[in-house]
Amino acid sequence: MQALKFFALSCLVVIVFDGVASVASLALGFPYTYAAFGSAVFYIAFAFFAARKFGFLAAVLFGFAMGITDATLGWAVSWAIGPGRLAAGTLTLSAWLYTATFVVVLGAIYGLVGGGIGALTGRRRAA
């Protein structure tokens, strides 16, 4: 049950961050793509804590799941707000699949990074 709550929280954070970053991008005039750095921080941080609580494999899966959430619901939120919207006719199925695959794989890589750090630092050895 704890893992499910952690999973839901991590996915919710991705969606909320996409919304906040979209509004900030419009209000402050910076390119929405800069928000990718903030997303990376969240992915790695959640994977770090997932590894410490649930193990390394769980951390990678959390990164993967956060990537799926970002590529679907997160993009839908940014599309609705504005910065994630592409010009009419430019979003094809193949373009979306390529982008979604890239985001999901990147999420898994961030899961590997955060999970690796969490797993390595989570083990304390007595001297």
N, C-alpha and C. Protein backbone atom coordinates (compact mmCIF):
# COMPACT_ATOMS: atom_id res chain seq x y z
N MET A 1 0.82 -1.20 0.00
CA MET A 1 0.00 0.00 0.00
C MET A 1 0.86 1.27 0.00
N GLN A 2 1.99 1.23 0.75
CA GLN A 2 2.88 2.38 0.75
C GLN A 2 3.44 2.64 -0.64
N ALA A 3 3.78 1.59 -1.34
CA ALA A 3 4.33 1.76 -2.69
C ALA A 3 3.30 2.39 -3.61
N LEU A 4 2.04 2.00 -3.48
CA LEU A 4 0.98 2.57 -4.31
C LEU A 4 0.80 4.06 -4.02
N LYS A 5 0.86 4.44 -2.76
CA LYS A 5 0.74 5.85 -2.40
C LYS A 5 1.93 6.65 -2.94
N PHE A 6 3.11 6.08 -2.82
CA PHE A 6 4.31 6.74 -3.32
C PHE A 6 4.24 6.89 -4.84
N PHE A 7 3.76 5.85 -5.51
CA PHE A 7 3.59 5.88 -6.96
C PHE A 7 2.60 6.97 -7.36
N ALA A 8 1.46 7.03 -6.67
CA ALA A 8 0.44 8.04 -6.99
C ALA A 8 0.99 9.45 -6.76
N LEU A 9 1.72 9.62 -5.67
CA LEU A 9 2.30 10.93 -5.37
C LEU A 9 3.31 11.34 -6.44
N SER A 10 4.16 10.42 -6.86
CA SER A 10 5.17 10.75 -7.87
C SER A 10 4.52 11.14 -9.19
N CYS A 11 3.48 10.43 -9.58
CA CYS A 11 2.78 10.76 -10.83
C CYS A 11 2.02 12.08 -10.71
N LEU A 12 1.43 12.33 -9.55
CA LEU A 12 0.72 13.59 -9.33
C LEU A 12 1.69 14.77 -9.38
N VAL A 13 2.87 14.61 -8.81
CA VAL A 13 3.87 15.68 -8.84
C VAL A 13 4.26 16.00 -10.29
N VAL A 14 4.40 14.99 -11.13
CA VAL A 14 4.74 15.22 -12.54
C VAL A 14 3.66 16.06 -13.21
N ILE A 15 2.40 15.71 -12.99
CA ILE A 15 1.29 16.43 -13.63
C ILE A 15 1.21 17.86 -13.12
N VAL A 16 1.30 18.04 -11.80
CA VAL A 16 1.23 19.38 -11.22
C VAL A 16 2.41 20.23 -11.70
N PHE A 17 3.60 19.64 -11.72
CA PHE A 17 4.77 20.38 -12.18
C PHE A 17 4.59 20.82 -13.63
N ASP A 18 4.07 19.95 -14.48
CA ASP A 18 3.84 20.34 -15.88
C ASP A 18 2.88 21.51 -15.97
N GLY A 19 1.84 21.50 -15.14
CA GLY A 19 0.90 22.62 -15.13
C GLY A 19 1.53 23.91 -14.65
N VAL A 20 2.25 23.84 -13.54
CA VAL A 20 2.91 25.03 -12.99
C VAL A 20 3.97 25.56 -13.96
N ALA A 21 4.74 24.67 -14.54
CA ALA A 21 5.77 25.08 -15.49
C ALA A 21 5.15 25.72 -16.74
N SER A 22 4.01 25.21 -17.17
CA SER A 22 3.32 25.78 -18.33
C SER A 22 2.86 27.20 -18.04
N VAL A 23 2.23 27.39 -16.89
CA VAL A 23 1.76 28.73 -16.51
C VAL A 23 2.95 29.67 -16.34
N ALA A 24 4.00 29.21 -15.69
CA ALA A 24 5.19 30.04 -15.50
C ALA A 24 5.84 30.40 -16.83
N SER A 25 5.87 29.46 -17.75
CA SER A 25 6.45 29.71 -19.07
C SER A 25 5.70 30.83 -19.79
N LEU A 26 4.37 30.78 -19.72
CA LEU A 26 3.57 31.82 -20.37
C LEU A 26 3.71 33.16 -19.65
N ALA A 27 3.67 33.12 -18.32
CA ALA A 27 3.70 34.37 -17.54
C ALA A 27 5.06 35.05 -17.58
N LEU A 28 6.12 34.25 -17.54
CA LEU A 28 7.47 34.82 -17.45
C LEU A 28 8.19 34.87 -18.79
N GLY A 29 7.63 34.19 -19.79
CA GLY A 29 8.19 34.26 -21.14
C GLY A 29 9.42 33.42 -21.41
N PHE A 30 9.66 32.40 -20.61
CA PHE A 30 10.81 31.53 -20.89
C PHE A 30 10.35 30.32 -21.68
N PRO A 31 11.24 29.71 -22.46
CA PRO A 31 10.86 28.53 -23.24
C PRO A 31 10.43 27.37 -22.32
N TYR A 32 9.34 26.76 -22.65
CA TYR A 32 8.80 25.66 -21.84
C TYR A 32 9.78 24.50 -21.73
N THR A 33 10.64 24.34 -22.72
CA THR A 33 11.61 23.24 -22.69
C THR A 33 12.56 23.34 -21.50
N TYR A 34 12.74 24.54 -20.95
CA TYR A 34 13.59 24.69 -19.76
C TYR A 34 13.04 23.91 -18.57
N ALA A 35 11.75 23.65 -18.57
CA ALA A 35 11.13 22.91 -17.47
C ALA A 35 11.62 21.46 -17.41
N ALA A 36 12.25 21.00 -18.47
CA ALA A 36 12.78 19.63 -18.47
C ALA A 36 13.81 19.44 -17.36
N PHE A 37 14.54 20.49 -17.01
CA PHE A 37 15.52 20.39 -15.93
C PHE A 37 14.82 20.15 -14.59
N GLY A 38 13.72 20.85 -14.37
CA GLY A 38 12.94 20.63 -13.15
C GLY A 38 12.35 19.24 -13.11
N SER A 39 11.87 18.77 -14.25
CA SER A 39 11.34 17.40 -14.31
C SER A 39 12.41 16.39 -13.95
N ALA A 40 13.61 16.59 -14.46
CA ALA A 40 14.71 15.67 -14.17
C ALA A 40 14.99 15.61 -12.68
N VAL A 41 14.94 16.76 -12.02
CA VAL A 41 15.16 16.80 -10.57
C VAL A 41 14.11 15.96 -9.85
N PHE A 42 12.85 16.11 -10.24
CA PHE A 42 11.78 15.33 -9.59
C PHE A 42 11.95 13.84 -9.85
N TYR A 43 12.23 13.47 -11.09
CA TYR A 43 12.41 12.06 -11.42
C TYR A 43 13.51 11.44 -10.56
N ILE A 44 14.66 12.11 -10.53
CA ILE A 44 15.81 11.58 -9.80
C ILE A 44 15.54 11.55 -8.30
N ALA A 45 14.91 12.59 -7.78
CA ALA A 45 14.62 12.63 -6.34
C ALA A 45 13.65 11.52 -5.94
N PHE A 46 12.58 11.35 -6.70
CA PHE A 46 11.63 10.28 -6.36
C PHE A 46 12.26 8.91 -6.51
N ALA A 47 13.10 8.74 -7.52
CA ALA A 47 13.78 7.45 -7.69
C ALA A 47 14.75 7.19 -6.54
N PHE A 48 15.42 8.22 -6.08
CA PHE A 48 16.33 8.11 -4.94
C PHE A 48 15.59 7.57 -3.72
N PHE A 49 14.47 8.21 -3.39
CA PHE A 49 13.71 7.78 -2.21
C PHE A 49 13.03 6.43 -2.43
N ALA A 50 12.63 6.16 -3.66
CA ALA A 50 12.03 4.84 -3.95
C ALA A 50 13.05 3.74 -3.74
N ALA A 51 14.29 3.97 -4.15
CA ALA A 51 15.33 2.95 -3.96
C ALA A 51 15.59 2.71 -2.48
N ARG A 52 15.60 3.76 -1.71
CA ARG A 52 15.86 3.60 -0.27
C ARG A 52 14.71 2.91 0.44
N LYS A 53 13.50 3.10 -0.05
CA LYS A 53 12.33 2.53 0.63
C LYS A 53 11.92 1.18 0.06
N PHE A 54 12.00 1.03 -1.28
CA PHE A 54 11.46 -0.16 -1.93
C PHE A 54 12.48 -0.97 -2.72
N GLY A 55 13.69 -0.44 -2.91
CA GLY A 55 14.71 -1.16 -3.66
C GLY A 55 15.01 -0.52 -5.01
N PHE A 56 16.14 -0.94 -5.57
CA PHE A 56 16.63 -0.35 -6.81
C PHE A 56 15.68 -0.57 -7.99
N LEU A 57 15.19 -1.79 -8.16
CA LEU A 57 14.30 -2.08 -9.28
C LEU A 57 13.04 -1.22 -9.22
N ALA A 58 12.51 -1.04 -8.03
CA ALA A 58 11.33 -0.19 -7.86
C ALA A 58 11.63 1.23 -8.31
N ALA A 59 12.83 1.72 -8.02
CA ALA A 59 13.21 3.07 -8.42
C ALA A 59 13.20 3.23 -9.94
N VAL A 60 13.73 2.24 -10.63
CA VAL A 60 13.73 2.28 -12.10
C VAL A 60 12.30 2.25 -12.62
N LEU A 61 11.47 1.41 -12.03
CA LEU A 61 10.06 1.33 -12.44
C LEU A 61 9.32 2.63 -12.15
N PHE A 62 9.64 3.28 -11.03
CA PHE A 62 9.03 4.57 -10.74
C PHE A 62 9.43 5.60 -11.80
N GLY A 63 10.70 5.63 -12.19
CA GLY A 63 11.14 6.54 -13.24
C GLY A 63 10.42 6.27 -14.55
N PHE A 64 10.27 4.99 -14.88
CA PHE A 64 9.54 4.57 -16.08
C PHE A 64 8.09 5.05 -16.01
N ALA A 65 7.44 4.83 -14.87
CA ALA A 65 6.03 5.23 -14.70
C ALA A 65 5.87 6.75 -14.74
N MET A 66 6.81 7.46 -14.15
CA MET A 66 6.75 8.92 -14.20
C MET A 66 6.91 9.40 -15.64
N GLY A 67 7.74 8.71 -16.42
CA GLY A 67 7.89 9.06 -17.83
C GLY A 67 6.60 8.84 -18.61
N ILE A 68 5.92 7.72 -18.34
CA ILE A 68 4.63 7.47 -18.99
C ILE A 68 3.63 8.55 -18.62
N THR A 69 3.60 8.91 -17.35
CA THR A 69 2.68 9.96 -16.90
C THR A 69 3.01 11.28 -17.57
N ASP A 70 4.28 11.61 -17.66
CA ASP A 70 4.70 12.87 -18.27
C ASP A 70 4.36 12.91 -19.75
N ALA A 71 4.54 11.79 -20.44
CA ALA A 71 4.30 11.74 -21.89
C ALA A 71 2.82 11.73 -22.24
N THR A 72 1.97 11.43 -21.28
CA THR A 72 0.53 11.37 -21.56
C THR A 72 -0.22 12.49 -20.84
N LEU A 73 -0.47 12.31 -19.56
CA LEU A 73 -1.25 13.31 -18.80
C LEU A 73 -0.51 14.63 -18.65
N GLY A 74 0.80 14.56 -18.41
CA GLY A 74 1.58 15.80 -18.28
C GLY A 74 1.57 16.62 -19.55
N TRP A 75 1.75 15.93 -20.67
CA TRP A 75 1.72 16.65 -21.95
C TRP A 75 0.32 17.19 -22.23
N ALA A 76 -0.70 16.44 -21.87
CA ALA A 76 -2.07 16.91 -22.07
C ALA A 76 -2.33 18.20 -21.27
N VAL A 77 -1.82 18.26 -20.05
CA VAL A 77 -1.98 19.46 -19.23
C VAL A 77 -1.26 20.64 -19.88
N SER A 78 -0.02 20.44 -20.29
CA SER A 78 0.72 21.55 -20.90
C SER A 78 0.12 21.93 -22.26
N TRP A 79 -0.44 20.96 -22.95
CA TRP A 79 -1.13 21.24 -24.22
C TRP A 79 -2.35 22.12 -23.97
N ALA A 80 -3.13 21.77 -22.94
CA ALA A 80 -4.34 22.53 -22.62
C ALA A 80 -4.01 23.96 -22.19
N ILE A 81 -2.92 24.13 -21.46
CA ILE A 81 -2.53 25.47 -20.99
C ILE A 81 -1.90 26.27 -22.12
N GLY A 82 -1.14 25.62 -22.98
CA GLY A 82 -0.60 26.33 -24.12
C GLY A 82 0.80 26.00 -24.56
N PRO A 83 1.80 25.99 -23.67
CA PRO A 83 3.17 25.82 -24.15
C PRO A 83 3.47 24.46 -24.76
N GLY A 84 2.74 23.43 -24.38
CA GLY A 84 2.99 22.10 -24.91
C GLY A 84 2.28 21.84 -26.22
N ARG A 85 1.53 22.81 -26.70
CA ARG A 85 0.74 22.64 -27.92
C ARG A 85 1.61 22.83 -29.15
N LEU A 86 1.48 21.90 -30.06
CA LEU A 86 2.20 22.00 -31.33
C LEU A 86 1.32 22.68 -32.36
N ALA A 87 1.94 23.16 -33.42
CA ALA A 87 1.18 23.78 -34.50
C ALA A 87 0.23 22.77 -35.11
N ALA A 88 -0.89 23.24 -35.59
CA ALA A 88 -1.91 22.37 -36.17
C ALA A 88 -1.32 21.51 -37.28
N GLY A 89 -1.61 20.22 -37.21
CA GLY A 89 -1.18 19.30 -38.25
C GLY A 89 0.22 18.75 -38.08
N THR A 90 0.96 19.20 -37.06
CA THR A 90 2.34 18.72 -36.91
C THR A 90 2.45 17.51 -35.99
N LEU A 91 1.42 17.25 -35.20
CA LEU A 91 1.46 16.10 -34.31
C LEU A 91 0.86 14.89 -35.03
N THR A 92 1.73 14.02 -35.48
CA THR A 92 1.30 12.77 -36.09
C THR A 92 1.46 11.65 -35.07
N LEU A 93 0.88 10.52 -35.36
CA LEU A 93 1.00 9.38 -34.45
C LEU A 93 2.46 8.99 -34.29
N SER A 94 3.20 8.96 -35.38
CA SER A 94 4.61 8.57 -35.29
C SER A 94 5.42 9.59 -34.49
N ALA A 95 5.12 10.88 -34.65
CA ALA A 95 5.83 11.91 -33.87
C ALA A 95 5.51 11.77 -32.39
N TRP A 96 4.25 11.51 -32.07
CA TRP A 96 3.88 11.34 -30.67
C TRP A 96 4.53 10.09 -30.09
N LEU A 97 4.53 8.99 -30.83
CA LEU A 97 5.14 7.75 -30.34
C LEU A 97 6.64 7.93 -30.11
N TYR A 98 7.30 8.62 -31.02
CA TYR A 98 8.73 8.89 -30.85
C TYR A 98 8.98 9.72 -29.59
N THR A 99 8.22 10.79 -29.44
CA THR A 99 8.38 11.67 -28.28
C THR A 99 8.06 10.94 -26.99
N ALA A 100 6.96 10.20 -26.98
CA ALA A 100 6.56 9.47 -25.78
C ALA A 100 7.61 8.42 -25.41
N THR A 101 8.12 7.72 -26.39
CA THR A 101 9.16 6.71 -26.13
C THR A 101 10.40 7.37 -25.56
N PHE A 102 10.79 8.50 -26.13
CA PHE A 102 11.96 9.23 -25.63
C PHE A 102 11.77 9.64 -24.17
N VAL A 103 10.60 10.18 -23.84
CA VAL A 103 10.33 10.63 -22.47
C VAL A 103 10.31 9.46 -21.50
N VAL A 104 9.72 8.34 -21.90
CA VAL A 104 9.65 7.17 -21.03
C VAL A 104 11.05 6.58 -20.80
N VAL A 105 11.84 6.47 -21.85
CA VAL A 105 13.21 5.96 -21.71
C VAL A 105 14.04 6.91 -20.84
N LEU A 106 13.89 8.19 -21.06
CA LEU A 106 14.60 9.17 -20.24
C LEU A 106 14.18 9.05 -18.77
N GLY A 107 12.88 8.83 -18.54
CA GLY A 107 12.40 8.61 -17.18
C GLY A 107 13.05 7.40 -16.54
N ALA A 108 13.17 6.32 -17.29
CA ALA A 108 13.83 5.11 -16.77
C ALA A 108 15.30 5.38 -16.48
N ILE A 109 15.96 6.17 -17.34
CA ILE A 109 17.36 6.52 -17.10
C ILE A 109 17.49 7.35 -15.82
N TYR A 110 16.60 8.32 -15.65
CA TYR A 110 16.60 9.09 -14.41
C TYR A 110 16.33 8.18 -13.21
N GLY A 111 15.46 7.19 -13.41
CA GLY A 111 15.22 6.22 -12.35
C GLY A 111 16.47 5.43 -12.02
N LEU A 112 17.23 5.07 -13.04
CA LEU A 112 18.51 4.39 -12.82
C LEU A 112 19.49 5.26 -12.03
N VAL A 113 19.56 6.52 -12.40
CA VAL A 113 20.49 7.44 -11.72
C VAL A 113 20.07 7.65 -10.27
N GLY A 114 18.84 8.09 -10.07
CA GLY A 114 18.37 8.34 -8.71
C GLY A 114 18.33 7.07 -7.88
N GLY A 115 17.89 5.98 -8.49
CA GLY A 115 17.85 4.70 -7.79
C GLY A 115 19.23 4.19 -7.44
N GLY A 116 20.17 4.38 -8.35
CA GLY A 116 21.54 3.96 -8.08
C GLY A 116 22.15 4.73 -6.92
N ILE A 117 21.94 6.04 -6.92
CA ILE A 117 22.45 6.86 -5.82
C ILE A 117 21.77 6.46 -4.51
N GLY A 118 20.45 6.28 -4.57
CA GLY A 118 19.72 5.89 -3.36
C GLY A 118 20.14 4.54 -2.83
N ALA A 119 20.36 3.59 -3.73
CA ALA A 119 20.76 2.25 -3.30
C ALA A 119 22.18 2.26 -2.73
N LEU A 120 23.06 3.03 -3.34
CA LEU A 120 24.45 3.06 -2.87
C LEU A 120 24.60 3.81 -1.54
N THR A 121 23.83 4.85 -1.37
CA THR A 121 23.95 5.64 -0.13
C THR A 121 23.04 5.12 0.97
N GLY A 122 22.14 4.25 0.64
CA GLY A 122 21.18 3.75 1.64
C GLY A 122 21.73 2.68 2.54
N ARG A 123 22.82 2.09 2.15
CA ARG A 123 23.39 1.00 2.94
C ARG A 123 24.51 1.54 3.81
N ARG A 124 24.29 1.49 5.07
CA ARG A 124 25.31 1.92 6.04
C ARG A 124 25.99 0.68 6.61
N ARG A 125 27.29 0.69 6.61
CA ARG A 125 28.04 -0.45 7.15
C ARG A 125 28.64 -0.07 8.49
N ALA A 126 28.50 -0.97 9.41
CA ALA A 126 29.11 -0.74 10.73
C ALA A 126 30.61 -1.01 10.63
N ALA A 127 31.39 -0.16 11.26
CA ALA A 127 32.85 -0.31 11.20
C ALA A 127 33.35 -1.33 12.20
